[in-house]
Amino acid sequence: MASIGIVSGSIDKGFSGQLITLSIKAPIEIRPNGSKSADVQPDFRVWSDGVEIGAGWIRVAEQSGRPYVSLSLATPEFGPRRIYANLGRAAGQDRDDIFAIIWTPAD
């Protein structure tokens, strides 16, 4: 697993930061989905420079029972596949409002 960005914020208010890969450095906002009307709809919409690039869902960790955000991202720069990632504790951070975007490579 690799970190492809860093954001700050909370599940209640959303997150903002940067998406960073070898070829991309772009602002990212993970905004609460205020129009969610069914359980299958995402809890968050993911935006970069005014373009929607993905969605996020609140999940609960099996071991700790703590909530986290699972992301699905898609842009032409990523090619034909989606990128799946989770927001997790950023390495070296003591603050509770700083999260790494942790990429989960698909096989």
PDB file of N, CA and C in Angstrom:
ATOM      1  N   MET A   1       0.841  -1.178   0.000  1.00  0.00           N
ATOM      2  CA  MET A   1       0.000   0.000   0.000  1.00  0.00           C
ATOM      3  C   MET A   1       0.884   1.238   0.000  1.00  0.00           C
ATOM      4  N   ALA A   2       0.432   2.252  -0.706  1.00  0.00           N
ATOM      5  CA  ALA A   2       1.204   3.478  -0.813  1.00  0.00           C
ATOM      6  C   ALA A   2       0.300   4.680  -0.586  1.00  0.00           C
ATOM      7  N   SER A   3       0.865   5.715  -0.019  1.00  0.00           N
ATOM      8  CA  SER A   3       0.128   6.954   0.162  1.00  0.00           C
ATOM      9  C   SER A   3       0.180   7.757  -1.133  1.00  0.00           C
ATOM     10  N   ILE A   4      -0.999   8.182  -1.617  1.00  0.00           N
ATOM     11  CA  ILE A   4      -1.061   8.985  -2.841  1.00  0.00           C
ATOM     12  C   ILE A   4      -1.635  10.369  -2.556  1.00  0.00           C
ATOM     13  N   GLY A   5      -1.508  10.809  -1.326  1.00  0.00           N
ATOM     14  CA  GLY A   5      -1.971  12.147  -0.980  1.00  0.00           C
ATOM     15  C   GLY A   5      -2.184  12.287   0.501  1.00  0.00           C
ATOM     16  N   ILE A   6      -2.568  13.491   0.882  1.00  0.00           N
ATOM     17  CA  ILE A   6      -2.829  13.789   2.285  1.00  0.00           C
ATOM     18  C   ILE A   6      -3.962  14.803   2.360  1.00  0.00           C
ATOM     19  N   VAL A   7      -4.851  14.605   3.335  1.00  0.00           N
ATOM     20  CA  VAL A   7      -5.988  15.499   3.529  1.00  0.00           C
ATOM     21  C   VAL A   7      -6.146  15.791   5.013  1.00  0.00           C
ATOM     22  N   SER A   8      -6.859  16.866   5.294  1.00  0.00           N
ATOM     23  CA  SER A   8      -7.219  17.162   6.677  1.00  0.00           C
ATOM     24  C   SER A   8      -8.720  17.361   6.737  1.00  0.00           C
ATOM     25  N   GLY A   9      -9.290  17.087   7.889  1.00  0.00           N
ATOM     26  CA  GLY A   9     -10.722  17.272   8.071  1.00  0.00           C
ATOM     27  C   GLY A   9     -11.313  16.215   8.966  1.00  0.00           C
ATOM     28  N   SER A  10     -12.628  15.996   8.794  1.00  0.00           N
ATOM     29  CA  SER A  10     -13.337  15.032   9.626  1.00  0.00           C
ATOM     30  C   SER A  10     -14.472  14.394   8.828  1.00  0.00           C
ATOM     31  N   ILE A  11     -14.947  13.259   9.316  1.00  0.00           N
ATOM     32  CA  ILE A  11     -16.060  12.580   8.655  1.00  0.00           C
ATOM     33  C   ILE A  11     -17.297  13.476   8.646  1.00  0.00           C
ATOM     34  N   ASP A  12     -17.489  14.259   9.698  1.00  0.00           N
ATOM     35  CA  ASP A  12     -18.670  15.132   9.770  1.00  0.00           C
ATOM     36  C   ASP A  12     -18.629  16.285   8.775  1.00  0.00           C
ATOM     37  N   LYS A  13     -17.471  16.892   8.579  1.00  0.00           N
ATOM     38  CA  LYS A  13     -17.370  18.110   7.764  1.00  0.00           C
ATOM     39  C   LYS A  13     -16.743  17.894   6.392  1.00  0.00           C
ATOM     40  N   GLY A  14     -16.081  16.767   6.175  1.00  0.00           N
ATOM     41  CA  GLY A  14     -15.390  16.518   4.916  1.00  0.00           C
ATOM     42  C   GLY A  14     -13.899  16.765   5.046  1.00  0.00           C
ATOM     43  N   PHE A  15     -13.190  16.621   3.920  1.00  0.00           N
ATOM     44  CA  PHE A  15     -11.737  16.674   3.925  1.00  0.00           C
ATOM     45  C   PHE A  15     -11.244  17.489   2.725  1.00  0.00           C
ATOM     46  N   SER A  16     -10.065  18.080   2.864  1.00  0.00           N
ATOM     47  CA  SER A  16      -9.428  18.750   1.727  1.00  0.00           C
ATOM     48  C   SER A  16      -7.922  18.577   1.853  1.00  0.00           C
ATOM     49  N   GLY A  17      -7.264  18.576   0.693  1.00  0.00           N
ATOM     50  CA  GLY A  17      -5.820  18.396   0.687  1.00  0.00           C
ATOM     51  C   GLY A  17      -5.308  18.245  -0.720  1.00  0.00           C
ATOM     52  N   GLN A  18      -4.338  17.329  -0.907  1.00  0.00           N
ATOM     53  CA  GLN A  18      -3.725  17.127  -2.222  1.00  0.00           C
ATOM     54  C   GLN A  18      -3.657  15.652  -2.566  1.00  0.00           C
ATOM     55  N   LEU A  19      -3.932  15.382  -3.841  1.00  0.00           N
ATOM     56  CA  LEU A  19      -3.726  14.069  -4.431  1.00  0.00           C
ATOM     57  C   LEU A  19      -2.379  14.143  -5.140  1.00  0.00           C
ATOM     58  N   ILE A  20      -1.462  13.238  -4.799  1.00  0.00           N
ATOM     59  CA  ILE A  20      -0.098  13.326  -5.339  1.00  0.00           C
ATOM     60  C   ILE A  20       0.359  11.945  -5.791  1.00  0.00           C
ATOM     61  N   THR A  21       0.682  11.834  -7.085  1.00  0.00           N
ATOM     62  CA  THR A  21       1.301  10.628  -7.634  1.00  0.00           C
ATOM     63  C   THR A  21       2.541  11.084  -8.396  1.00  0.00           C
ATOM     64  N   LEU A  22       3.196  10.172  -9.102  1.00  0.00           N
ATOM     65  CA  LEU A  22       4.374  10.564  -9.869  1.00  0.00           C
ATOM     66  C   LEU A  22       4.032  11.566 -10.968  1.00  0.00           C
ATOM     67  N   SER A  23       2.824  11.465 -11.526  1.00  0.00           N
ATOM     68  CA  SER A  23       2.467  12.361 -12.633  1.00  0.00           C
ATOM     69  C   SER A  23       1.352  13.357 -12.308  1.00  0.00           C
ATOM     70  N   ILE A  24       0.770  13.292 -11.108  1.00  0.00           N
ATOM     71  CA  ILE A  24      -0.346  14.161 -10.742  1.00  0.00           C
ATOM     72  C   ILE A  24      -0.060  14.854  -9.422  1.00  0.00           C
ATOM     73  N   LYS A  25      -0.329  16.134  -9.369  1.00  0.00           N
ATOM     74  CA  LYS A  25      -0.343  16.884  -8.115  1.00  0.00           C
ATOM     75  C   LYS A  25      -1.528  17.828  -8.240  1.00  0.00           C
ATOM     76  N   ALA A  26      -2.620  17.497  -7.543  1.00  0.00           N
ATOM     77  CA  ALA A  26      -3.857  18.244  -7.716  1.00  0.00           C
ATOM     78  C   ALA A  26      -4.573  18.405  -6.378  1.00  0.00           C
ATOM     79  N   PRO A  27      -5.298  19.513  -6.215  1.00  0.00           N
ATOM     80  CA  PRO A  27      -6.102  19.669  -5.004  1.00  0.00           C
ATOM     81  C   PRO A  27      -7.229  18.636  -5.006  1.00  0.00           C
ATOM     82  N   ILE A  28      -7.645  18.237  -3.827  1.00  0.00           N
ATOM     83  CA  ILE A  28      -8.744  17.275  -3.708  1.00  0.00           C
ATOM     84  C   ILE A  28      -9.644  17.701  -2.556  1.00  0.00           C
ATOM     85  N   GLU A  29     -10.944  17.566  -2.777  1.00  0.00           N
ATOM     86  CA  GLU A  29     -11.939  17.816  -1.738  1.00  0.00           C
ATOM     87  C   GLU A  29     -12.840  16.598  -1.647  1.00  0.00           C
ATOM     88  N   ILE A  30     -13.060  16.137  -0.443  1.00  0.00           N
ATOM     89  CA  ILE A  30     -13.952  15.014  -0.191  1.00  0.00           C
ATOM     90  C   ILE A  30     -15.113  15.609   0.606  1.00  0.00           C
ATOM     91  N   ARG A  31     -16.200  15.902  -0.120  1.00  0.00           N
ATOM     92  CA  ARG A  31     -17.326  16.641   0.457  1.00  0.00           C
ATOM     93  C   ARG A  31     -18.455  15.688   0.860  1.00  0.00           C
ATOM     94  N   PRO A  32     -19.092  15.949   2.016  1.00  0.00           N
ATOM     95  CA  PRO A  32     -20.267  15.141   2.379  1.00  0.00           C
ATOM     96  C   PRO A  32     -21.337  15.241   1.289  1.00  0.00           C
ATOM     97  N   ASN A  33     -21.982  14.129   0.999  1.00  0.00           N
ATOM     98  CA  ASN A  33     -23.041  14.078  -0.007  1.00  0.00           C
ATOM     99  C   ASN A  33     -24.358  14.486   0.651  1.00  0.00           C
ATOM    100  N   GLY A  34     -24.667  15.766   0.604  1.00  0.00           N
ATOM    101  CA  GLY A  34     -25.869  16.299   1.232  1.00  0.00           C
ATOM    102  C   GLY A  34     -27.154  15.816   0.612  1.00  0.00           C
ATOM    103  N   SER A  35     -27.093  15.278  -0.597  1.00  0.00           N
ATOM    104  CA  SER A  35     -28.308  14.813  -1.261  1.00  0.00           C
ATOM    105  C   SER A  35     -28.470  13.293  -1.180  1.00  0.00           C
ATOM    106  N   LYS A  36     -27.719  12.631  -0.315  1.00  0.00           N
ATOM    107  CA  LYS A  36     -27.826  11.178  -0.178  1.00  0.00           C
ATOM    108  C   LYS A  36     -29.232  10.825   0.300  1.00  0.00           C
ATOM    109  N   SER A  37     -29.909   9.953  -0.453  1.00  0.00           N
ATOM    110  CA  SER A  37     -31.275   9.587  -0.088  1.00  0.00           C
ATOM    111  C   SER A  37     -31.471   8.072   0.044  1.00  0.00           C
ATOM    112  N   ALA A  38     -30.409   7.292  -0.198  1.00  0.00           N
ATOM    113  CA  ALA A  38     -30.496   5.835  -0.069  1.00  0.00           C
ATOM    114  C   ALA A  38     -29.152   5.289   0.394  1.00  0.00           C
ATOM    115  N   ASP A  39     -29.180   4.134   1.062  1.00  0.00           N
ATOM    116  CA  ASP A  39     -27.950   3.551   1.605  1.00  0.00           C
ATOM    117  C   ASP A  39     -26.915   3.225   0.540  1.00  0.00           C
ATOM    118  N   VAL A  40     -27.335   2.940  -0.694  1.00  0.00           N
ATOM    119  CA  VAL A  40     -26.384   2.580  -1.747  1.00  0.00           C
ATOM    120  C   VAL A  40     -25.648   3.792  -2.310  1.00  0.00           C
ATOM    121  N   GLN A  41     -26.142   4.979  -2.062  1.00  0.00           N
ATOM    122  CA  GLN A  41     -25.475   6.183  -2.550  1.00  0.00           C
ATOM    123  C   GLN A  41     -24.264   6.495  -1.671  1.00  0.00           C
ATOM    124  N   PRO A  42     -23.250   7.144  -2.253  1.00  0.00           N
ATOM    125  CA  PRO A  42     -22.034   7.437  -1.473  1.00  0.00           C
ATOM    126  C   PRO A  42     -22.286   8.467  -0.376  1.00  0.00           C
ATOM    127  N   ASP A  43     -21.472   8.369   0.677  1.00  0.00           N
ATOM    128  CA  ASP A  43     -21.526   9.336   1.769  1.00  0.00           C
ATOM    129  C   ASP A  43     -20.788  10.617   1.407  1.00  0.00           C
ATOM    130  N   PHE A  44     -19.838  10.510   0.452  1.00  0.00           N
ATOM    131  CA  PHE A  44     -19.029  11.649   0.025  1.00  0.00           C
ATOM    132  C   PHE A  44     -18.934  11.682  -1.495  1.00  0.00           C
ATOM    133  N   ARG A  45     -18.727  12.886  -2.031  1.00  0.00           N
ATOM    134  CA  ARG A  45     -18.370  13.089  -3.435  1.00  0.00           C
ATOM    135  C   ARG A  45     -16.954  13.644  -3.429  1.00  0.00           C
ATOM    136  N   VAL A  46     -16.125  13.192  -4.356  1.00  0.00           N
ATOM    137  CA  VAL A  46     -14.726  13.618  -4.411  1.00  0.00           C
ATOM    138  C   VAL A  46     -14.543  14.545  -5.609  1.00  0.00           C
ATOM    139  N   TRP A  47     -13.937  15.709  -5.364  1.00  0.00           N
ATOM    140  CA  TRP A  47     -13.767  16.746  -6.382  1.00  0.00           C
ATOM    141  C   TRP A  47     -12.305  17.177  -6.471  1.00  0.00           C
ATOM    142  N   SER A  48     -11.898  17.568  -7.682  1.00  0.00           N
ATOM    143  CA  SER A  48     -10.596  18.184  -7.902  1.00  0.00           C
ATOM    144  C   SER A  48     -10.758  19.286  -8.940  1.00  0.00           C
ATOM    145  N   ASP A  49     -10.423  20.490  -8.584  1.00  0.00           N
ATOM    146  CA  ASP A  49     -10.536  21.643  -9.491  1.00  0.00           C
ATOM    147  C   ASP A  49     -11.915  21.740 -10.136  1.00  0.00           C
ATOM    148  N   GLY A  50     -12.966  21.512  -9.356  1.00  0.00           N
ATOM    149  CA  GLY A  50     -14.327  21.649  -9.858  1.00  0.00           C
ATOM    150  C   GLY A  50     -14.850  20.462 -10.640  1.00  0.00           C
ATOM    151  N   VAL A  51     -14.073  19.389 -10.757  1.00  0.00           N
ATOM    152  CA  VAL A  51     -14.477  18.194 -11.498  1.00  0.00           C
ATOM    153  C   VAL A  51     -14.678  17.052 -10.508  1.00  0.00           C
ATOM    154  N   GLU A  52     -15.828  16.379 -10.601  1.00  0.00           N
ATOM    155  CA  GLU A  52     -16.064  15.229  -9.736  1.00  0.00           C
ATOM    156  C   GLU A  52     -15.244  14.047 -10.240  1.00  0.00           C
ATOM    157  N   ILE A  53     -14.418  13.481  -9.347  1.00  0.00           N
ATOM    158  CA  ILE A  53     -13.531  12.385  -9.750  1.00  0.00           C
ATOM    159  C   ILE A  53     -13.780  11.101  -8.974  1.00  0.00           C
ATOM    160  N   GLY A  54     -14.775  11.095  -8.082  1.00  0.00           N
ATOM    161  CA  GLY A  54     -15.002   9.864  -7.338  1.00  0.00           C
ATOM    162  C   GLY A  54     -16.026  10.015  -6.247  1.00  0.00           C
ATOM    163  N   ALA A  55     -16.049   8.988  -5.404  1.00  0.00           N
ATOM    164  CA  ALA A  55     -17.019   8.927  -4.318  1.00  0.00           C
ATOM    165  C   ALA A  55     -16.375   8.239  -3.116  1.00  0.00           C
ATOM    166  N   GLY A  56     -17.012   8.399  -1.966  1.00  0.00           N
ATOM    167  CA  GLY A  56     -16.508   7.784  -0.748  1.00  0.00           C
ATOM    168  C   GLY A  56     -17.628   7.261   0.124  1.00  0.00           C
ATOM    169  N   TRP A  57     -17.332   6.207   0.869  1.00  0.00           N
ATOM    170  CA  TRP A  57     -18.303   5.590   1.754  1.00  0.00           C
ATOM    171  C   TRP A  57     -17.695   5.446   3.145  1.00  0.00           C
ATOM    172  N   ILE A  58     -18.514   5.661   4.161  1.00  0.00           N
ATOM    173  CA  ILE A  58     -18.069   5.454   5.541  1.00  0.00           C
ATOM    174  C   ILE A  58     -18.151   3.960   5.828  1.00  0.00           C
ATOM    175  N   ARG A  59     -17.063   3.406   6.281  1.00  0.00           N
ATOM    176  CA  ARG A  59     -16.980   1.995   6.667  1.00  0.00           C
ATOM    177  C   ARG A  59     -16.549   1.926   8.130  1.00  0.00           C
ATOM    178  N   VAL A  60     -16.680   0.760   8.742  1.00  0.00           N
ATOM    179  CA  VAL A  60     -16.263   0.560  10.125  1.00  0.00           C
ATOM    180  C   VAL A  60     -15.200  -0.534  10.148  1.00  0.00           C
ATOM    181  N   ALA A  61     -14.052  -0.224  10.754  1.00  0.00           N
ATOM    182  CA  ALA A  61     -12.946  -1.182  10.846  1.00  0.00           C
ATOM    183  C   ALA A  61     -13.352  -2.369  11.719  1.00  0.00           C
ATOM    184  N   GLU A  62     -13.047  -3.577  11.246  1.00  0.00           N
ATOM    185  CA  GLU A  62     -13.432  -4.788  11.967  1.00  0.00           C
ATOM    186  C   GLU A  62     -12.760  -4.887  13.332  1.00  0.00           C
ATOM    187  N   GLN A  63     -11.470  -4.623  13.396  1.00  0.00           N
ATOM    188  CA  GLN A  63     -10.743  -4.809  14.655  1.00  0.00           C
ATOM    189  C   GLN A  63     -10.998  -3.692  15.657  1.00  0.00           C
ATOM    190  N   SER A  64     -10.907  -2.442  15.202  1.00  0.00           N
ATOM    191  CA  SER A  64     -11.020  -1.321  16.152  1.00  0.00           C
ATOM    192  C   SER A  64     -12.448  -0.827  16.315  1.00  0.00           C
ATOM    193  N   GLY A  65     -13.305  -1.102  15.340  1.00  0.00           N
ATOM    194  CA  GLY A  65     -14.671  -0.588  15.395  1.00  0.00           C
ATOM    195  C   GLY A  65     -14.775   0.900  15.080  1.00  0.00           C
ATOM    196  N   ARG A  66     -13.675   1.488  14.589  1.00  0.00           N
ATOM    197  CA  ARG A  66     -13.644   2.923  14.289  1.00  0.00           C
ATOM    198  C   ARG A  66     -14.053   3.164  12.836  1.00  0.00           C
ATOM    199  N   PRO A  67     -14.758   4.263  12.584  1.00  0.00           N
ATOM    200  CA  PRO A  67     -15.146   4.572  11.205  1.00  0.00           C
ATOM    201  C   PRO A  67     -13.956   5.099  10.397  1.00  0.00           C
ATOM    202  N   TYR A  68     -13.988   4.829   9.086  1.00  0.00           N
ATOM    203  CA  TYR A  68     -13.006   5.372   8.163  1.00  0.00           C
ATOM    204  C   TYR A  68     -13.715   5.610   6.835  1.00  0.00           C
ATOM    205  N   VAL A  69     -13.035   6.241   5.886  1.00  0.00           N
ATOM    206  CA  VAL A  69     -13.627   6.528   4.582  1.00  0.00           C
ATOM    207  C   VAL A  69     -12.923   5.704   3.518  1.00  0.00           C
ATOM    208  N   SER A  70     -13.710   4.982   2.727  1.00  0.00           N
ATOM    209  CA  SER A  70     -13.241   4.194   1.596  1.00  0.00           C
ATOM    210  C   SER A  70     -13.557   4.974   0.325  1.00  0.00           C
ATOM    211  N   LEU A  71     -12.568   5.138  -0.561  1.00  0.00           N
ATOM    212  CA  LEU A  71     -12.721   5.966  -1.759  1.00  0.00           C
ATOM    213  C   LEU A  71     -12.619   5.151  -3.039  1.00  0.00           C
ATOM    214  N   SER A  72     -13.325   5.601  -4.051  1.00  0.00           N
ATOM    215  CA  SER A  72     -13.212   5.097  -5.415  1.00  0.00           C
ATOM    216  C   SER A  72     -12.973   6.313  -6.303  1.00  0.00           C
ATOM    217  N   LEU A  73     -11.838   6.332  -7.024  1.00  0.00           N
ATOM    218  CA  LEU A  73     -11.452   7.485  -7.831  1.00  0.00           C
ATOM    219  C   LEU A  73     -11.255   7.068  -9.280  1.00  0.00           C
ATOM    220  N   ALA A  74     -11.673   7.931 -10.208  1.00  0.00           N
ATOM    221  CA  ALA A  74     -11.492   7.639 -11.637  1.00  0.00           C
ATOM    222  C   ALA A  74     -11.282   8.941 -12.396  1.00  0.00           C
ATOM    223  N   THR A  75     -10.206   9.003 -13.167  1.00  0.00           N
ATOM    224  CA  THR A  75      -9.939  10.133 -14.066  1.00  0.00           C
ATOM    225  C   THR A  75      -9.191   9.579 -15.278  1.00  0.00           C
ATOM    226  N   PRO A  76      -9.205  10.289 -16.387  1.00  0.00           N
ATOM    227  CA  PRO A  76      -8.450   9.809 -17.555  1.00  0.00           C
ATOM    228  C   PRO A  76      -6.966   9.591 -17.249  1.00  0.00           C
ATOM    229  N   GLU A  77      -6.413  10.385 -16.335  1.00  0.00           N
ATOM    230  CA  GLU A  77      -4.990  10.250 -15.986  1.00  0.00           C
ATOM    231  C   GLU A  77      -4.681   8.896 -15.344  1.00  0.00           C
ATOM    232  N   PHE A  78      -5.686   8.255 -14.744  1.00  0.00           N
ATOM    233  CA  PHE A  78      -5.491   6.948 -14.115  1.00  0.00           C
ATOM    234  C   PHE A  78      -5.641   5.806 -15.113  1.00  0.00           C
ATOM    235  N   GLY A  79      -6.035   6.101 -16.343  1.00  0.00           N
ATOM    236  CA  GLY A  79      -6.267   5.059 -17.331  1.00  0.00           C
ATOM    237  C   GLY A  79      -7.664   4.473 -17.184  1.00  0.00           C
ATOM    238  N   PRO A  80      -7.885   3.276 -17.731  1.00  0.00           N
ATOM    239  CA  PRO A  80      -9.236   2.713 -17.767  1.00  0.00           C
ATOM    240  C   PRO A  80      -9.738   2.133 -16.447  1.00  0.00           C
ATOM    241  N   ARG A  81      -8.883   2.060 -15.433  1.00  0.00           N
ATOM    242  CA  ARG A  81      -9.284   1.450 -14.162  1.00  0.00           C
ATOM    243  C   ARG A  81      -9.514   2.479 -13.082  1.00  0.00           C
ATOM    244  N   ARG A  82     -10.332   2.119 -12.137  1.00  0.00           N
ATOM    245  CA  ARG A  82     -10.560   2.952 -10.954  1.00  0.00           C
ATOM    246  C   ARG A  82      -9.424   2.724  -9.959  1.00  0.00           C
ATOM    247  N   ILE A  83      -9.195   3.722  -9.137  1.00  0.00           N
ATOM    248  CA  ILE A  83      -8.261   3.581  -8.023  1.00  0.00           C
ATOM    249  C   ILE A  83      -9.092   3.489  -6.750  1.00  0.00           C
ATOM    250  N   TYR A  84      -8.765   2.509  -5.922  1.00  0.00           N
ATOM    251  CA  TYR A  84      -9.438   2.346  -4.643  1.00  0.00           C
ATOM    252  C   TYR A  84      -8.456   2.728  -3.548  1.00  0.00           C
ATOM    253  N   ALA A  85      -8.950   3.489  -2.568  1.00  0.00           N
ATOM    254  CA  ALA A  85      -8.086   3.974  -1.492  1.00  0.00           C
ATOM    255  C   ALA A  85      -8.917   4.135  -0.221  1.00  0.00           C
ATOM    256  N   ASN A  86      -8.225   4.237   0.895  1.00  0.00           N
ATOM    257  CA  ASN A  86      -8.861   4.504   2.184  1.00  0.00           C
ATOM    258  C   ASN A  86      -8.161   5.689   2.823  1.00  0.00           C
ATOM    259  N   LEU A  87      -8.887   6.417   3.643  1.00  0.00           N
ATOM    260  CA  LEU A  87      -8.247   7.444   4.457  1.00  0.00           C
ATOM    261  C   LEU A  87      -7.774   6.781   5.734  1.00  0.00           C
ATOM    262  N   GLY A  88      -6.482   6.914   6.010  1.00  0.00           N
ATOM    263  CA  GLY A  88      -5.905   6.299   7.196  1.00  0.00           C
ATOM    264  C   GLY A  88      -4.968   7.261   7.899  1.00  0.00           C
ATOM    265  N   ARG A  89      -4.510   6.871   9.034  1.00  0.00           N
ATOM    266  CA  ARG A  89      -3.596   7.690   9.837  1.00  0.00           C
ATOM    267  C   ARG A  89      -2.350   8.014   9.026  1.00  0.00           C
ATOM    268  N   ALA A  90      -2.040   9.282   8.924  1.00  0.00           N
ATOM    269  CA  ALA A  90      -0.844   9.724   8.202  1.00  0.00           C
ATOM    270  C   ALA A  90       0.390   9.446   9.052  1.00  0.00           C
ATOM    271  N   ALA A  91       1.406   8.862   8.448  1.00  0.00           N
ATOM    272  CA  ALA A  91       2.640   8.522   9.163  1.00  0.00           C
ATOM    273  C   ALA A  91       3.270   9.765   9.769  1.00  0.00           C
ATOM    274  N   GLY A  92       3.686   9.666  11.003  1.00  0.00           N
ATOM    275  CA  GLY A  92       4.374  10.760  11.666  1.00  0.00           C
ATOM    276  C   GLY A  92       3.476  11.876  12.147  1.00  0.00           C
ATOM    277  N   GLN A  93       2.162  11.687  12.083  1.00  0.00           N
ATOM    278  CA  GLN A  93       1.230  12.732  12.507  1.00  0.00           C
ATOM    279  C   GLN A  93       0.609  12.367  13.849  1.00  0.00           C
ATOM    280  N   ASP A  94       0.616  13.313  14.766  1.00  0.00           N
ATOM    281  CA  ASP A  94      -0.024  13.111  16.056  1.00  0.00           C
ATOM    282  C   ASP A  94      -1.442  13.681  16.062  1.00  0.00           C
ATOM    283  N   ARG A  95      -1.757  14.480  15.052  1.00  0.00           N
ATOM    284  CA  ARG A  95      -3.081  15.117  14.990  1.00  0.00           C
ATOM    285  C   ARG A  95      -4.140  14.128  14.511  1.00  0.00           C
ATOM    286  N   ASP A  96      -5.356  14.273  15.036  1.00  0.00           N
ATOM    287  CA  ASP A  96      -6.456  13.400  14.664  1.00  0.00           C
ATOM    288  C   ASP A  96      -7.173  13.847  13.404  1.00  0.00           C
ATOM    289  N   ASP A  97      -6.768  14.974  12.813  1.00  0.00           N
ATOM    290  CA  ASP A  97      -7.475  15.492  11.634  1.00  0.00           C
ATOM    291  C   ASP A  97      -6.633  15.455  10.363  1.00  0.00           C
ATOM    292  N   ILE A  98      -5.515  14.737  10.379  1.00  0.00           N
ATOM    293  CA  ILE A  98      -4.647  14.598   9.210  1.00  0.00           C
ATOM    294  C   ILE A  98      -4.688  13.127   8.776  1.00  0.00           C
ATOM    295  N   PHE A  99      -4.995  12.898   7.481  1.00  0.00           N
ATOM    296  CA  PHE A  99      -5.139  11.535   6.978  1.00  0.00           C
ATOM    297  C   PHE A  99      -4.368  11.362   5.677  1.00  0.00           C
ATOM    298  N   ALA A 100      -3.807  10.182   5.492  1.00  0.00           N
ATOM    299  CA  ALA A 100      -3.175   9.821   4.228  1.00  0.00           C
ATOM    300  C   ALA A 100      -4.233   9.156   3.346  1.00  0.00           C
ATOM    301  N   ILE A 101      -4.130   9.385   2.042  1.00  0.00           N
ATOM    302  CA  ILE A 101      -4.948   8.655   1.077  1.00  0.00           C
ATOM    303  C   ILE A 101      -4.124   7.424   0.730  1.00  0.00           C
ATOM    304  N   ILE A 102      -4.549   6.270   1.226  1.00  0.00           N
ATOM    305  CA  ILE A 102      -3.763   5.042   1.090  1.00  0.00           C
ATOM    306  C   ILE A 102      -4.333   4.210  -0.054  1.00  0.00           C
ATOM    307  N   TRP A 103      -3.539   4.107  -1.105  1.00  0.00           N
ATOM    308  CA  TRP A 103      -3.931   3.397  -2.322  1.00  0.00           C
ATOM    309  C   TRP A 103      -3.894   1.891  -2.096  1.00  0.00           C
ATOM    310  N   THR A 104      -4.942   1.217  -2.557  1.00  0.00           N
ATOM    311  CA  THR A 104      -5.017  -0.236  -2.502  1.00  0.00           C
ATOM    312  C   THR A 104      -4.963  -0.762  -3.921  1.00  0.00           C
ATOM    313  N   PRO A 105      -3.800  -1.220  -4.399  1.00  0.00           N
ATOM    314  CA  PRO A 105      -3.705  -1.703  -5.778  1.00  0.00           C
ATOM    315  C   PRO A 105      -4.627  -2.893  -6.024  1.00  0.00           C
ATOM    316  N   ALA A 106      -5.320  -2.877  -7.154  1.00  0.00           N
ATOM    317  CA  ALA A 106      -6.165  -4.015  -7.538  1.00  0.00           C
ATOM    318  C   ALA A 106      -5.299  -5.029  -8.275  1.00  0.00           C
ATOM    319  N   ASP A 107      -5.580  -6.290  -8.059  1.00  0.00           N
ATOM    320  CA  ASP A 107      -4.820  -7.350  -8.754  1.00  0.00           C
ATOM    321  C   ASP A 107      -5.370  -7.583 -10.135  1.00  0.00           C
TER     322      ASP A 107
END
